[in-house]
N, C-alpha and C. Protein backbone atom coordinates (compact mmCIF):
# COMPACT_ATOMS: atom_id res chain seq x y z
N MET A 1 4.35 -11.34 8.70
CA MET A 1 3.26 -10.55 8.23
C MET A 1 3.20 -10.64 6.72
N ASN A 2 1.99 -10.83 6.19
CA ASN A 2 1.92 -11.03 4.75
C ASN A 2 0.80 -10.28 4.06
N GLY A 3 0.06 -9.44 4.75
CA GLY A 3 -1.03 -8.71 4.12
C GLY A 3 -0.57 -7.37 3.60
N PRO A 4 -1.52 -6.59 3.06
CA PRO A 4 -1.18 -5.27 2.55
C PRO A 4 -0.97 -4.29 3.70
N VAL A 5 -0.69 -3.05 3.34
CA VAL A 5 -0.64 -1.99 4.33
C VAL A 5 -2.08 -1.68 4.71
N LEU A 6 -2.35 -1.65 6.00
CA LEU A 6 -3.69 -1.39 6.50
C LEU A 6 -3.76 0.02 7.05
N LEU A 7 -4.69 0.82 6.53
CA LEU A 7 -4.95 2.15 7.06
C LEU A 7 -6.31 2.12 7.74
N VAL A 8 -6.34 2.48 9.02
CA VAL A 8 -7.59 2.50 9.78
C VAL A 8 -7.82 3.91 10.28
N THR A 9 -8.80 4.59 9.69
CA THR A 9 -9.15 5.95 10.09
C THR A 9 -10.51 6.33 9.53
N ALA A 10 -11.19 7.21 10.22
CA ALA A 10 -12.45 7.76 9.73
C ALA A 10 -12.24 9.19 9.24
N ASP A 11 -11.01 9.67 9.22
CA ASP A 11 -10.68 11.04 8.82
C ASP A 11 -10.44 11.09 7.31
N PRO A 12 -11.35 11.72 6.53
CA PRO A 12 -11.19 11.75 5.08
C PRO A 12 -9.92 12.46 4.60
N ALA A 13 -9.49 13.49 5.30
CA ALA A 13 -8.25 14.18 4.92
C ALA A 13 -7.06 13.25 5.06
N LEU A 14 -7.05 12.46 6.11
CA LEU A 14 -5.97 11.52 6.34
C LEU A 14 -5.96 10.42 5.27
N VAL A 15 -7.14 9.94 4.91
CA VAL A 15 -7.23 8.93 3.84
C VAL A 15 -6.63 9.50 2.55
N THR A 16 -6.96 10.74 2.23
CA THR A 16 -6.43 11.38 1.02
C THR A 16 -4.91 11.47 1.06
N PHE A 17 -4.35 11.95 2.18
CA PHE A 17 -2.90 12.07 2.32
C PHE A 17 -2.21 10.71 2.17
N VAL A 18 -2.74 9.70 2.85
CA VAL A 18 -2.08 8.38 2.83
C VAL A 18 -2.23 7.72 1.47
N ARG A 19 -3.38 7.86 0.83
CA ARG A 19 -3.54 7.30 -0.53
C ARG A 19 -2.51 7.90 -1.50
N GLU A 20 -2.30 9.20 -1.42
CA GLU A 20 -1.31 9.84 -2.28
C GLU A 20 0.09 9.27 -2.01
N CYS A 21 0.42 9.06 -0.75
CA CYS A 21 1.72 8.47 -0.39
C CYS A 21 1.82 7.04 -0.92
N ALA A 22 0.76 6.27 -0.77
CA ALA A 22 0.76 4.88 -1.24
C ALA A 22 0.92 4.81 -2.75
N LEU A 23 0.26 5.71 -3.47
CA LEU A 23 0.39 5.74 -4.92
C LEU A 23 1.83 6.05 -5.32
N ARG A 24 2.43 7.03 -4.67
CA ARG A 24 3.82 7.37 -4.97
C ARG A 24 4.77 6.22 -4.66
N ALA A 25 4.45 5.44 -3.62
CA ALA A 25 5.33 4.33 -3.21
C ALA A 25 5.05 3.05 -3.97
N GLY A 26 3.90 2.96 -4.63
CA GLY A 26 3.51 1.72 -5.30
C GLY A 26 3.05 0.67 -4.31
N ALA A 27 2.53 1.08 -3.16
CA ALA A 27 2.13 0.15 -2.11
C ALA A 27 0.66 -0.23 -2.23
N TRP A 28 0.33 -1.40 -1.75
CA TRP A 28 -1.03 -1.92 -1.73
C TRP A 28 -1.66 -1.49 -0.42
N LEU A 29 -2.70 -0.67 -0.50
CA LEU A 29 -3.32 -0.08 0.68
C LEU A 29 -4.73 -0.60 0.87
N ASP A 30 -5.03 -1.08 2.07
CA ASP A 30 -6.37 -1.53 2.45
C ASP A 30 -6.91 -0.51 3.45
N VAL A 31 -7.97 0.21 3.09
CA VAL A 31 -8.50 1.28 3.94
C VAL A 31 -9.73 0.78 4.68
N ARG A 32 -9.73 0.94 5.98
CA ARG A 32 -10.89 0.63 6.84
C ARG A 32 -11.22 1.89 7.63
N HIS A 33 -12.51 2.13 7.79
CA HIS A 33 -12.95 3.35 8.46
C HIS A 33 -13.39 3.14 9.90
N SER A 34 -13.20 1.92 10.38
CA SER A 34 -13.63 1.58 11.74
C SER A 34 -12.77 0.45 12.26
N LEU A 35 -12.74 0.30 13.58
CA LEU A 35 -12.00 -0.79 14.21
C LEU A 35 -12.80 -2.08 14.27
N VAL A 36 -14.07 -2.01 13.93
CA VAL A 36 -14.96 -3.16 14.01
C VAL A 36 -14.55 -4.21 12.97
N GLY A 37 -14.31 -5.42 13.42
CA GLY A 37 -14.04 -6.55 12.55
C GLY A 37 -12.71 -6.54 11.82
N ILE A 38 -11.72 -5.84 12.33
CA ILE A 38 -10.43 -5.79 11.62
C ILE A 38 -9.30 -6.50 12.35
N ARG A 39 -9.61 -7.19 13.44
CA ARG A 39 -8.54 -7.79 14.25
C ARG A 39 -7.63 -8.70 13.43
N ASN A 40 -8.17 -9.49 12.50
CA ASN A 40 -7.35 -10.39 11.69
C ASN A 40 -6.44 -9.60 10.75
N GLN A 41 -7.00 -8.59 10.06
CA GLN A 41 -6.18 -7.76 9.17
C GLN A 41 -5.12 -7.01 9.97
N TRP A 42 -5.46 -6.58 11.16
CA TRP A 42 -4.54 -5.88 12.05
C TRP A 42 -3.29 -6.73 12.30
N ARG A 43 -3.51 -8.02 12.53
CA ARG A 43 -2.39 -8.92 12.85
C ARG A 43 -1.56 -9.30 11.63
N THR A 44 -2.18 -9.38 10.45
CA THR A 44 -1.48 -9.91 9.28
C THR A 44 -0.93 -8.84 8.33
N ALA A 45 -1.26 -7.58 8.55
CA ALA A 45 -0.78 -6.52 7.66
C ALA A 45 0.73 -6.35 7.77
N ARG A 46 1.36 -6.01 6.66
CA ARG A 46 2.80 -5.72 6.67
C ARG A 46 3.08 -4.49 7.52
N LEU A 47 2.16 -3.54 7.45
CA LEU A 47 2.30 -2.29 8.16
C LEU A 47 0.89 -1.78 8.48
N VAL A 48 0.69 -1.30 9.71
CA VAL A 48 -0.60 -0.73 10.10
C VAL A 48 -0.42 0.76 10.33
N LEU A 49 -1.23 1.54 9.61
CA LEU A 49 -1.28 2.98 9.79
C LEU A 49 -2.60 3.27 10.48
N LEU A 50 -2.53 3.77 11.69
CA LEU A 50 -3.72 4.03 12.48
C LEU A 50 -3.90 5.53 12.61
N GLY A 51 -5.08 6.02 12.19
CA GLY A 51 -5.37 7.44 12.30
C GLY A 51 -5.44 7.85 13.75
N ALA A 52 -4.98 9.07 14.03
CA ALA A 52 -5.02 9.59 15.40
C ALA A 52 -6.44 9.61 15.93
N ASP A 53 -7.42 9.75 15.03
CA ASP A 53 -8.83 9.77 15.45
C ASP A 53 -9.27 8.45 16.08
N LEU A 54 -8.60 7.36 15.75
CA LEU A 54 -8.97 6.05 16.30
C LEU A 54 -7.90 5.47 17.21
N ALA A 55 -6.88 6.25 17.55
CA ALA A 55 -5.80 5.73 18.39
C ALA A 55 -6.30 5.38 19.79
N TYR A 56 -6.98 6.30 20.43
CA TYR A 56 -7.47 6.00 21.79
C TYR A 56 -8.55 4.90 21.76
N PRO A 57 -9.50 4.92 20.82
CA PRO A 57 -10.44 3.79 20.74
C PRO A 57 -9.74 2.44 20.51
N ALA A 58 -8.64 2.43 19.76
CA ALA A 58 -7.90 1.18 19.55
C ALA A 58 -7.29 0.70 20.86
N TYR A 59 -6.77 1.62 21.65
CA TYR A 59 -6.23 1.26 22.96
C TYR A 59 -7.34 0.71 23.86
N ARG A 60 -8.50 1.37 23.87
CA ARG A 60 -9.62 0.90 24.69
C ARG A 60 -10.11 -0.47 24.26
N ARG A 61 -10.03 -0.77 22.96
CA ARG A 61 -10.45 -2.08 22.46
C ARG A 61 -9.37 -3.15 22.68
N ARG A 62 -8.24 -2.72 23.21
CA ARG A 62 -7.11 -3.63 23.47
C ARG A 62 -6.62 -4.33 22.20
N MET A 63 -6.45 -3.51 21.17
CA MET A 63 -5.89 -4.06 19.93
C MET A 63 -4.47 -4.52 20.23
N PRO A 64 -4.05 -5.64 19.67
CA PRO A 64 -2.72 -6.18 19.96
C PRO A 64 -1.59 -5.23 19.59
N ALA A 65 -0.55 -5.22 20.40
CA ALA A 65 0.64 -4.43 20.10
C ALA A 65 1.31 -5.01 18.85
N LEU A 66 1.84 -4.15 18.01
CA LEU A 66 2.49 -4.56 16.77
C LEU A 66 3.88 -3.95 16.67
N ARG A 67 4.76 -4.63 15.96
CA ARG A 67 6.08 -4.07 15.71
C ARG A 67 6.04 -3.06 14.58
N SER A 68 4.96 -3.07 13.81
CA SER A 68 4.87 -2.22 12.62
C SER A 68 3.62 -1.34 12.66
N LEU A 69 3.43 -0.62 13.75
CA LEU A 69 2.29 0.29 13.89
C LEU A 69 2.77 1.73 13.86
N ILE A 70 2.17 2.51 12.96
CA ILE A 70 2.47 3.93 12.87
C ILE A 70 1.16 4.69 13.05
N ILE A 71 1.15 5.63 13.97
CA ILE A 71 0.00 6.51 14.15
C ILE A 71 0.18 7.68 13.19
N VAL A 72 -0.83 7.97 12.39
CA VAL A 72 -0.76 9.07 11.44
C VAL A 72 -1.83 10.10 11.78
N THR A 73 -1.48 11.37 11.60
CA THR A 73 -2.41 12.44 11.90
C THR A 73 -2.29 13.55 10.87
N ALA A 74 -3.42 14.17 10.54
CA ALA A 74 -3.41 15.30 9.60
C ALA A 74 -3.30 16.62 10.35
N ASN A 75 -3.37 16.58 11.66
CA ASN A 75 -3.27 17.77 12.51
C ASN A 75 -2.08 17.59 13.44
N PRO A 76 -1.59 18.67 14.02
CA PRO A 76 -0.49 18.51 14.98
C PRO A 76 -0.89 17.54 16.09
N PRO A 77 -0.01 16.62 16.47
CA PRO A 77 -0.34 15.63 17.50
C PRO A 77 -0.70 16.29 18.83
N THR A 78 -1.74 15.79 19.46
CA THR A 78 -2.17 16.28 20.76
C THR A 78 -1.57 15.40 21.85
N PRO A 79 -1.57 15.85 23.10
CA PRO A 79 -1.09 14.98 24.18
C PRO A 79 -1.87 13.66 24.25
N ALA A 80 -3.17 13.70 23.96
CA ALA A 80 -3.98 12.46 23.99
C ALA A 80 -3.52 11.48 22.91
N THR A 81 -3.18 12.02 21.73
CA THR A 81 -2.69 11.16 20.65
C THR A 81 -1.35 10.54 21.03
N THR A 82 -0.47 11.33 21.61
CA THR A 82 0.84 10.84 22.03
C THR A 82 0.70 9.77 23.10
N THR A 83 -0.21 9.98 24.06
CA THR A 83 -0.45 8.99 25.11
C THR A 83 -0.98 7.68 24.53
N ALA A 84 -1.95 7.79 23.61
CA ALA A 84 -2.50 6.59 22.97
C ALA A 84 -1.42 5.86 22.17
N ALA A 85 -0.57 6.61 21.47
CA ALA A 85 0.53 5.99 20.70
C ALA A 85 1.47 5.23 21.62
N ASP A 86 1.78 5.82 22.79
CA ASP A 86 2.64 5.13 23.77
C ASP A 86 1.98 3.86 24.28
N ARG A 87 0.71 3.94 24.61
CA ARG A 87 0.00 2.78 25.15
C ARG A 87 -0.15 1.66 24.12
N LEU A 88 -0.26 2.03 22.84
CA LEU A 88 -0.35 1.02 21.78
C LEU A 88 1.03 0.54 21.34
N ARG A 89 2.08 1.14 21.91
CA ARG A 89 3.47 0.82 21.55
C ARG A 89 3.73 1.06 20.06
N ALA A 90 3.18 2.16 19.55
CA ALA A 90 3.39 2.52 18.14
C ALA A 90 4.87 2.81 17.90
N THR A 91 5.36 2.44 16.73
CA THR A 91 6.74 2.66 16.38
C THR A 91 7.01 4.13 16.10
N PHE A 92 6.06 4.78 15.40
CA PHE A 92 6.22 6.18 15.03
C PHE A 92 4.88 6.90 15.14
N LEU A 93 4.96 8.22 15.22
CA LEU A 93 3.80 9.10 15.16
C LEU A 93 4.11 10.10 14.04
N ALA A 94 3.36 10.04 12.93
CA ALA A 94 3.67 10.85 11.75
C ALA A 94 2.60 11.90 11.50
N HIS A 95 3.04 13.15 11.39
CA HIS A 95 2.14 14.27 11.09
C HIS A 95 2.18 14.53 9.59
N LEU A 96 1.04 14.28 8.92
CA LEU A 96 0.95 14.49 7.48
C LEU A 96 0.27 15.82 7.20
N PRO A 97 0.60 16.49 6.15
CA PRO A 97 1.50 16.09 5.07
C PRO A 97 2.97 16.40 5.31
N ILE A 98 3.34 16.91 6.47
CA ILE A 98 4.73 17.25 6.75
C ILE A 98 5.65 16.04 6.59
N ALA A 99 5.20 14.87 7.04
CA ALA A 99 6.03 13.67 7.01
C ALA A 99 5.73 12.78 5.80
N ASP A 100 5.16 13.35 4.74
CA ASP A 100 4.75 12.50 3.62
C ASP A 100 5.92 11.83 2.91
N GLY A 101 7.04 12.53 2.74
CA GLY A 101 8.21 11.92 2.11
C GLY A 101 8.73 10.74 2.91
N TRP A 102 8.75 10.89 4.22
CA TRP A 102 9.18 9.80 5.11
C TRP A 102 8.23 8.61 4.99
N LEU A 103 6.91 8.90 4.98
CA LEU A 103 5.92 7.82 4.89
C LEU A 103 6.01 7.10 3.54
N VAL A 104 6.27 7.84 2.47
CA VAL A 104 6.44 7.21 1.16
C VAL A 104 7.57 6.18 1.23
N GLY A 105 8.66 6.52 1.91
CA GLY A 105 9.77 5.58 2.06
C GLY A 105 9.37 4.32 2.81
N LYS A 106 8.61 4.48 3.89
CA LYS A 106 8.13 3.32 4.66
C LYS A 106 7.20 2.46 3.80
N LEU A 107 6.33 3.10 3.06
CA LEU A 107 5.40 2.35 2.20
C LEU A 107 6.14 1.68 1.04
N ALA A 108 7.15 2.33 0.51
CA ALA A 108 7.93 1.75 -0.59
C ALA A 108 8.62 0.48 -0.14
N ASP A 109 9.04 0.41 1.13
CA ASP A 109 9.65 -0.82 1.64
C ASP A 109 8.69 -2.00 1.54
N THR A 110 7.41 -1.78 1.86
CA THR A 110 6.43 -2.87 1.78
C THR A 110 6.17 -3.24 0.32
N ALA A 111 6.14 -2.23 -0.56
CA ALA A 111 5.90 -2.50 -1.98
C ALA A 111 7.07 -3.29 -2.57
N ALA A 112 8.29 -2.97 -2.15
CA ALA A 112 9.47 -3.66 -2.68
C ALA A 112 9.42 -5.15 -2.37
N GLU A 113 8.93 -5.51 -1.20
CA GLU A 113 8.82 -6.93 -0.83
C GLU A 113 7.87 -7.66 -1.77
N VAL A 114 6.74 -7.05 -2.09
CA VAL A 114 5.76 -7.66 -2.98
C VAL A 114 6.34 -7.80 -4.39
N VAL A 115 7.00 -6.76 -4.88
CA VAL A 115 7.60 -6.80 -6.21
C VAL A 115 8.65 -7.90 -6.28
N GLN A 116 9.46 -8.06 -5.25
CA GLN A 116 10.46 -9.13 -5.23
C GLN A 116 9.81 -10.51 -5.27
N GLN A 117 8.72 -10.69 -4.55
CA GLN A 117 8.01 -11.96 -4.55
C GLN A 117 7.45 -12.26 -5.94
N LEU A 118 6.86 -11.26 -6.58
CA LEU A 118 6.30 -11.46 -7.92
C LEU A 118 7.40 -11.77 -8.94
N THR A 119 8.52 -11.07 -8.84
CA THR A 119 9.64 -11.32 -9.74
C THR A 119 10.14 -12.75 -9.57
N GLY A 120 10.23 -13.21 -8.33
CA GLY A 120 10.67 -14.57 -8.05
C GLY A 120 9.73 -15.62 -8.60
N LEU A 121 8.46 -15.29 -8.74
CA LEU A 121 7.47 -16.22 -9.29
C LEU A 121 7.42 -16.19 -10.81
N GLY A 122 8.19 -15.30 -11.44
CA GLY A 122 8.25 -15.25 -12.89
C GLY A 122 7.49 -14.11 -13.54
N TYR A 123 6.87 -13.26 -12.75
CA TYR A 123 6.18 -12.11 -13.32
C TYR A 123 7.19 -11.08 -13.78
N ARG A 124 6.88 -10.40 -14.88
CA ARG A 124 7.74 -9.33 -15.36
C ARG A 124 7.21 -8.01 -14.81
N ILE A 125 8.08 -7.23 -14.19
CA ILE A 125 7.70 -5.97 -13.56
C ILE A 125 8.18 -4.81 -14.40
N GLY A 126 7.33 -3.83 -14.60
CA GLY A 126 7.69 -2.61 -15.29
C GLY A 126 7.13 -1.42 -14.53
N TYR A 127 7.49 -0.24 -14.94
CA TYR A 127 7.00 0.99 -14.30
C TYR A 127 6.49 1.91 -15.38
N THR A 128 5.39 2.56 -15.11
CA THR A 128 4.78 3.42 -16.11
C THR A 128 4.19 4.67 -15.47
N ASP A 129 4.00 5.68 -16.28
CA ASP A 129 3.40 6.93 -15.81
C ASP A 129 1.91 6.68 -15.56
N SER A 130 1.47 6.87 -14.33
CA SER A 130 0.10 6.55 -13.97
C SER A 130 -0.92 7.45 -14.66
N GLU A 131 -0.61 8.71 -14.88
CA GLU A 131 -1.56 9.62 -15.53
C GLU A 131 -1.80 9.25 -16.98
N THR A 132 -0.75 8.91 -17.71
CA THR A 132 -0.89 8.51 -19.11
C THR A 132 -1.72 7.24 -19.22
N ALA A 133 -1.42 6.27 -18.38
CA ALA A 133 -2.14 5.00 -18.41
C ALA A 133 -3.60 5.18 -18.02
N ALA A 134 -3.87 6.03 -17.03
CA ALA A 134 -5.24 6.26 -16.60
C ALA A 134 -6.05 6.94 -17.69
N ALA A 135 -5.42 7.86 -18.41
CA ALA A 135 -6.12 8.58 -19.47
C ALA A 135 -6.47 7.67 -20.64
N SER A 136 -5.56 6.75 -20.99
CA SER A 136 -5.80 5.88 -22.14
C SER A 136 -6.47 4.56 -21.76
N GLY A 137 -6.41 4.19 -20.48
CA GLY A 137 -7.01 2.93 -20.04
C GLY A 137 -6.18 1.70 -20.35
N GLN A 138 -4.98 1.90 -20.88
CA GLN A 138 -4.11 0.76 -21.17
C GLN A 138 -2.66 1.17 -21.07
N VAL A 139 -1.79 0.18 -21.04
CA VAL A 139 -0.36 0.44 -20.97
C VAL A 139 0.29 -0.20 -22.19
N ASN A 140 0.92 0.62 -23.01
CA ASN A 140 1.64 0.11 -24.17
C ASN A 140 3.08 -0.16 -23.79
N SER A 141 3.71 -1.11 -24.50
CA SER A 141 5.08 -1.49 -24.16
C SER A 141 6.03 -0.30 -24.25
N ARG A 142 5.76 0.63 -25.16
CA ARG A 142 6.66 1.80 -25.27
C ARG A 142 6.58 2.71 -24.05
N ASP A 143 5.49 2.57 -23.24
CA ASP A 143 5.32 3.39 -22.05
C ASP A 143 5.94 2.76 -20.80
N LEU A 144 6.50 1.55 -20.94
CA LEU A 144 7.07 0.86 -19.78
C LEU A 144 8.56 1.13 -19.63
N ARG A 145 8.99 1.20 -18.39
CA ARG A 145 10.40 1.35 -18.06
C ARG A 145 10.80 0.20 -17.14
N THR A 146 12.05 -0.23 -17.23
CA THR A 146 12.50 -1.33 -16.37
C THR A 146 12.83 -0.84 -14.98
N ARG A 147 13.09 0.45 -14.84
CA ARG A 147 13.38 1.05 -13.53
C ARG A 147 12.48 2.26 -13.33
N ARG A 148 12.20 2.54 -12.08
CA ARG A 148 11.39 3.71 -11.74
C ARG A 148 12.24 4.96 -11.96
N THR A 149 11.74 5.90 -12.76
CA THR A 149 12.48 7.12 -13.01
C THR A 149 12.00 8.27 -12.13
N ASP A 150 10.80 8.14 -11.58
CA ASP A 150 10.34 9.11 -10.58
C ASP A 150 9.33 8.42 -9.67
N GLU A 151 9.07 9.02 -8.53
CA GLU A 151 8.24 8.38 -7.51
C GLU A 151 6.76 8.33 -7.87
N TYR A 152 6.35 8.98 -8.95
CA TYR A 152 4.95 8.98 -9.34
C TYR A 152 4.61 7.87 -10.33
N GLN A 153 5.61 7.10 -10.76
CA GLN A 153 5.33 6.01 -11.68
C GLN A 153 4.70 4.83 -10.95
N ALA A 154 3.76 4.18 -11.61
CA ALA A 154 3.06 3.05 -11.02
C ALA A 154 3.72 1.74 -11.43
N VAL A 155 3.55 0.73 -10.58
CA VAL A 155 4.07 -0.61 -10.86
C VAL A 155 3.13 -1.30 -11.84
N TYR A 156 3.69 -1.95 -12.84
CA TYR A 156 2.94 -2.70 -13.84
C TYR A 156 3.43 -4.14 -13.78
N VAL A 157 2.52 -5.09 -13.62
CA VAL A 157 2.89 -6.50 -13.55
C VAL A 157 2.37 -7.20 -14.78
N SER A 158 3.27 -7.75 -15.58
CA SER A 158 2.89 -8.49 -16.78
C SER A 158 2.82 -9.97 -16.45
N PHE A 159 1.77 -10.62 -16.91
CA PHE A 159 1.60 -12.05 -16.66
C PHE A 159 2.21 -12.88 -17.79
N GLY A 160 2.89 -12.26 -18.73
CA GLY A 160 3.39 -12.94 -19.91
C GLY A 160 4.19 -14.18 -19.64
N ARG A 161 5.25 -14.10 -18.84
CA ARG A 161 6.12 -15.25 -18.59
C ARG A 161 5.41 -16.31 -17.77
N VAL A 162 4.54 -15.89 -16.88
CA VAL A 162 3.84 -16.85 -16.03
C VAL A 162 2.78 -17.60 -16.83
N ALA A 163 2.13 -16.91 -17.78
CA ALA A 163 1.03 -17.52 -18.52
C ALA A 163 1.50 -18.43 -19.63
N CYS A 164 2.78 -18.46 -19.96
CA CYS A 164 3.30 -19.29 -21.03
C CYS A 164 3.96 -20.54 -20.46
N GLY A 165 3.65 -21.66 -21.04
CA GLY A 165 4.29 -22.89 -20.60
C GLY A 165 3.35 -24.08 -20.74
N PRO A 166 3.90 -25.29 -20.74
CA PRO A 166 3.08 -26.48 -20.98
C PRO A 166 2.03 -26.74 -19.90
N ASP A 167 2.28 -26.30 -18.68
CA ASP A 167 1.32 -26.56 -17.60
C ASP A 167 0.17 -25.57 -17.57
N LEU A 168 0.24 -24.55 -18.42
CA LEU A 168 -0.78 -23.51 -18.39
C LEU A 168 -1.55 -23.44 -19.71
N LEU A 169 -1.73 -24.59 -20.35
CA LEU A 169 -2.45 -24.66 -21.61
C LEU A 169 -3.85 -24.07 -21.44
N GLY A 170 -4.28 -23.25 -22.36
CA GLY A 170 -5.60 -22.65 -22.28
C GLY A 170 -5.61 -21.31 -21.58
N GLN A 171 -4.46 -20.88 -21.08
CA GLN A 171 -4.41 -19.60 -20.38
C GLN A 171 -3.61 -18.57 -21.18
N ALA A 172 -3.45 -18.79 -22.46
CA ALA A 172 -2.64 -17.89 -23.28
C ALA A 172 -3.23 -16.48 -23.32
N ASP A 173 -4.55 -16.36 -23.11
CA ASP A 173 -5.15 -15.03 -23.15
C ASP A 173 -4.64 -14.15 -22.02
N THR A 174 -4.10 -14.73 -20.97
CA THR A 174 -3.60 -13.92 -19.86
C THR A 174 -2.26 -13.27 -20.18
N VAL A 175 -1.63 -13.66 -21.29
CA VAL A 175 -0.35 -13.09 -21.66
C VAL A 175 -0.46 -11.57 -21.82
N GLN A 176 -1.56 -11.09 -22.33
CA GLN A 176 -1.72 -9.67 -22.58
C GLN A 176 -2.30 -8.90 -21.39
N ARG A 177 -2.56 -9.58 -20.30
CA ARG A 177 -3.20 -8.94 -19.15
C ARG A 177 -2.16 -8.43 -18.15
N SER A 178 -2.59 -7.48 -17.35
CA SER A 178 -1.74 -7.01 -16.28
C SER A 178 -2.62 -6.59 -15.12
N ASN A 179 -1.99 -6.17 -14.06
CA ASN A 179 -2.75 -5.72 -12.89
C ASN A 179 -2.82 -4.21 -12.81
N TYR A 180 -2.46 -3.50 -13.87
CA TYR A 180 -2.31 -2.05 -13.74
C TYR A 180 -3.58 -1.43 -13.15
N ARG A 181 -3.40 -0.70 -12.10
CA ARG A 181 -4.51 0.00 -11.46
C ARG A 181 -4.04 1.41 -11.14
N THR A 182 -4.92 2.35 -11.22
CA THR A 182 -4.59 3.68 -10.71
C THR A 182 -5.17 3.77 -9.33
N GLY A 183 -4.50 4.41 -8.44
CA GLY A 183 -4.96 4.53 -7.05
C GLY A 183 -4.27 3.50 -6.19
N GLU A 184 -4.87 2.32 -6.07
CA GLU A 184 -4.30 1.29 -5.20
C GLU A 184 -3.74 0.17 -6.08
N CYS A 185 -2.59 -0.29 -5.73
CA CYS A 185 -1.94 -1.36 -6.48
C CYS A 185 -2.41 -2.70 -5.94
N GLN A 186 -3.02 -3.53 -6.79
CA GLN A 186 -3.45 -4.85 -6.37
C GLN A 186 -3.00 -5.83 -7.44
N VAL A 187 -2.75 -7.05 -7.04
CA VAL A 187 -2.33 -8.08 -7.98
C VAL A 187 -3.51 -9.01 -8.18
N ASN A 188 -3.98 -9.06 -9.41
CA ASN A 188 -5.11 -9.93 -9.76
C ASN A 188 -4.67 -10.87 -10.86
N GLY A 189 -5.11 -12.10 -10.81
CA GLY A 189 -4.75 -13.08 -11.83
C GLY A 189 -5.83 -13.23 -12.74
């Protein structure tokens, strides 16, 4: 599996809870509000979070069983949700916000894989306070840390080392660029 974390739900409260968890974990989240046209993303996502509101419809659509499917709900799980989770062979059923700390850990695992891949490719990774960066619109070197000091810090990817070298002539302007985003973490070149 090589895609981002996929969240499929039409429940706005659930989207809010999961986005907050993804931000804390530094995970890349792809949000879809319907099961229509997502079969490819369903198969390639590192982790699929399926809202309880769409669990039974997913079973009826015969969505493929996954080793990394978690049903998430903003309300106490109902017997229908539990039955749908069993039929979809979901790994876990998580009630948010009660299980938010647990979900942050699961999401952080997917983010760690991406950070390791970027580090291996020569990107320099730092961590910064997301609120400070969002307020100023930029990240200064004094605001970067080599290690995460709290779960609310965002991942910062510097293209400096990758953009320098004889094979990348003409791309020196990318040295000062990064992928810093507030909300969802995405890697853009």
